[in-house]
Amino acid sequence: MKQLLNQVEDELMQDDLLIRVASGLCGGVVTLVGLLLLYGLTTRGVDRLPGGWPLAATFVVLALVFGLPLVLRSVLSTRTPVGSFLARHATLGPLRRPDDFTLWIMLPAIALTVLLRRLGIRGEAHAE
């Protein structure tokens, strides 16, 4: 796996496209889980849950609080005030130097990033 990363490292880390793709994928999944929980809880009720509404609402709020900033991070420019705030606080830090565990989780993001680069899509340059 590390050989694969070394081969495409220059292509992956030349700007923030990998961070944007990974943030969009992770944030999209977490937000979707939150929305599905919200839908399921509103249509079927929470009578069967041991904690009731407080526990269910906590899960939904946590999923949306962690998911939506990641989705916004993937689409907003870091030149905007909200985008720069999200770039500082809503990032996936392990992607800067991926290890084996992170690499296995992020293979779809890496593949999508390489595909987007082949299509000519670029991210914003890193602010040094």
Protein backbone atom coordinates (compact mmCIF):
# COMPACT_ATOMS: atom_id res chain seq x y z
CA MET A 1 0.00 0.00 0.00
CA LYS A 2 2.77 2.43 0.83
CA GLN A 3 4.29 1.84 -2.62
CA LEU A 4 0.98 2.87 -4.17
CA LEU A 5 0.95 6.01 -2.07
CA ASN A 6 4.56 6.84 -2.95
CA GLN A 7 3.78 6.48 -6.66
CA VAL A 8 0.87 8.91 -6.61
CA GLU A 9 1.92 11.09 -3.66
CA ASP A 10 3.03 14.02 -5.81
CA GLU A 11 -0.21 13.90 -7.71
CA LEU A 12 -2.33 13.57 -4.56
CA MET A 13 -0.68 16.19 -2.39
CA GLN A 14 -0.02 19.02 -4.87
CA ASP A 15 -3.13 20.87 -3.69
CA ASP A 16 -6.14 20.26 -1.44
CA LEU A 17 -8.26 18.20 -3.83
CA LEU A 18 -7.76 14.97 -1.84
CA ILE A 19 -8.83 16.73 1.36
CA ARG A 20 -11.88 18.14 -0.41
CA VAL A 21 -12.88 14.78 -1.91
CA ALA A 22 -12.36 12.92 1.37
CA SER A 23 -14.26 15.60 3.31
CA GLY A 24 -17.12 15.42 0.84
CA LEU A 25 -17.31 11.64 0.96
CA CYS A 26 -17.04 11.36 4.75
CA GLY A 27 -19.32 14.31 5.40
CA GLY A 28 -21.84 13.03 2.89
CA VAL A 29 -21.99 9.61 4.55
CA VAL A 30 -22.28 11.03 8.08
CA THR A 31 -24.92 13.57 7.03
CA LEU A 32 -26.86 10.88 5.18
CA VAL A 33 -26.81 8.68 8.29
CA GLY A 34 -28.09 11.62 10.34
CA LEU A 35 -30.87 12.36 7.87
CA LEU A 36 -31.87 8.69 7.68
CA LEU A 37 -31.96 8.52 11.48
CA LEU A 38 -34.10 11.65 11.56
CA TYR A 39 -36.45 10.24 8.95
CA GLY A 40 -36.70 6.89 10.69
CA LEU A 41 -37.30 8.45 14.07
CA THR A 42 -39.99 10.81 12.80
CA THR A 43 -41.88 8.19 10.81
CA ARG A 44 -41.55 5.18 13.11
CA GLY A 45 -41.19 6.87 16.48
CA VAL A 46 -38.71 6.30 19.24
CA ASP A 47 -40.89 4.24 21.56
CA ARG A 48 -38.70 1.17 21.07
CA LEU A 49 -35.45 2.96 21.96
CA PRO A 50 -34.34 2.58 25.58
CA GLY A 51 -33.31 6.25 25.88
CA GLY A 52 -36.28 7.73 24.04
CA TRP A 53 -36.16 11.17 22.43
CA PRO A 54 -33.05 12.50 24.20
CA LEU A 55 -30.85 9.66 22.96
CA ALA A 56 -32.29 9.71 19.45
CA ALA A 57 -32.00 13.49 19.18
CA THR A 58 -28.40 13.33 20.41
CA PHE A 59 -27.43 10.88 17.64
CA VAL A 60 -29.15 12.93 14.96
CA VAL A 61 -27.63 16.22 16.13
CA LEU A 62 -24.14 14.71 16.41
CA ALA A 63 -24.34 13.22 12.92
CA LEU A 64 -25.44 16.53 11.42
CA VAL A 65 -22.96 18.60 13.45
CA PHE A 66 -20.03 16.49 12.26
CA GLY A 67 -21.28 15.83 8.72
CA LEU A 68 -22.44 19.20 7.44
CA PRO A 69 -19.16 21.09 8.12
CA LEU A 70 -17.25 18.39 6.23
CA VAL A 71 -19.58 18.71 3.26
CA LEU A 72 -19.25 22.49 3.34
CA ARG A 73 -15.45 22.13 3.60
CA SER A 74 -15.45 20.24 0.33
CA VAL A 75 -17.27 22.95 -1.63
CA LEU A 76 -16.31 26.30 -0.08
CA SER A 77 -13.18 28.18 -1.06
CA THR A 78 -10.60 28.77 1.65
CA ARG A 79 -10.53 32.41 0.57
CA THR A 80 -13.95 33.03 2.14
CA PRO A 81 -14.26 33.58 5.90
CA VAL A 82 -16.44 30.50 6.40
CA GLY A 83 -14.20 28.43 4.15
CA SER A 84 -11.04 29.42 6.00
CA PHE A 85 -12.71 28.62 9.33
CA LEU A 86 -13.74 25.19 8.05
CA ALA A 87 -10.28 24.60 6.59
CA ARG A 88 -8.81 25.14 10.06
CA HIS A 89 -11.39 23.23 12.09
CA ALA A 90 -13.20 20.74 9.83
CA THR A 91 -10.33 18.86 8.24
CA LEU A 92 -9.37 15.24 8.19
CA GLY A 93 -5.91 15.65 9.69
CA PRO A 94 -4.57 12.10 9.11
CA LEU A 95 -4.79 12.66 5.36
CA ARG A 96 -1.77 14.96 5.45
CA ARG A 97 0.47 11.92 6.00
CA PRO A 98 -1.67 8.80 5.56
CA ASP A 99 -0.69 5.61 7.36
CA ASP A 100 -1.83 2.09 6.46
CA PHE A 101 -5.14 2.24 8.35
CA THR A 102 -6.14 5.60 6.91
CA LEU A 103 -5.10 4.51 3.44
CA TRP A 104 -7.43 1.50 3.48
CA ILE A 105 -10.31 3.65 4.61
CA MET A 106 -9.60 6.40 2.09
CA LEU A 107 -9.02 4.30 -1.03
CA PRO A 108 -12.29 5.51 -2.63
CA ALA A 109 -11.27 9.14 -2.02
CA ILE A 110 -7.82 8.51 -3.47
CA ALA A 111 -9.26 6.79 -6.55
CA LEU A 112 -11.78 9.58 -7.08
CA THR A 113 -9.07 12.22 -6.65
CA VAL A 114 -6.85 10.58 -9.26
CA LEU A 115 -9.84 10.31 -11.63
CA LEU A 116 -10.71 13.99 -11.12
CA ARG A 117 -7.08 14.98 -11.79
CA ARG A 118 -7.11 12.99 -15.04
CA LEU A 119 -10.24 14.93 -16.01
CA GLY A 120 -8.42 18.21 -15.35
CA ILE A 121 -10.05 19.23 -12.08
CA ARG A 122 -7.72 20.85 -9.56
CA GLY A 123 -8.09 22.02 -5.98
CA GLU A 124 -6.83 25.18 -4.37
CA ALA A 125 -3.10 25.52 -3.77
CA HIS A 126 -1.93 24.99 -0.20
CA ALA A 127 -1.44 28.19 1.75
CA GLU A 128 2.19 28.05 2.87
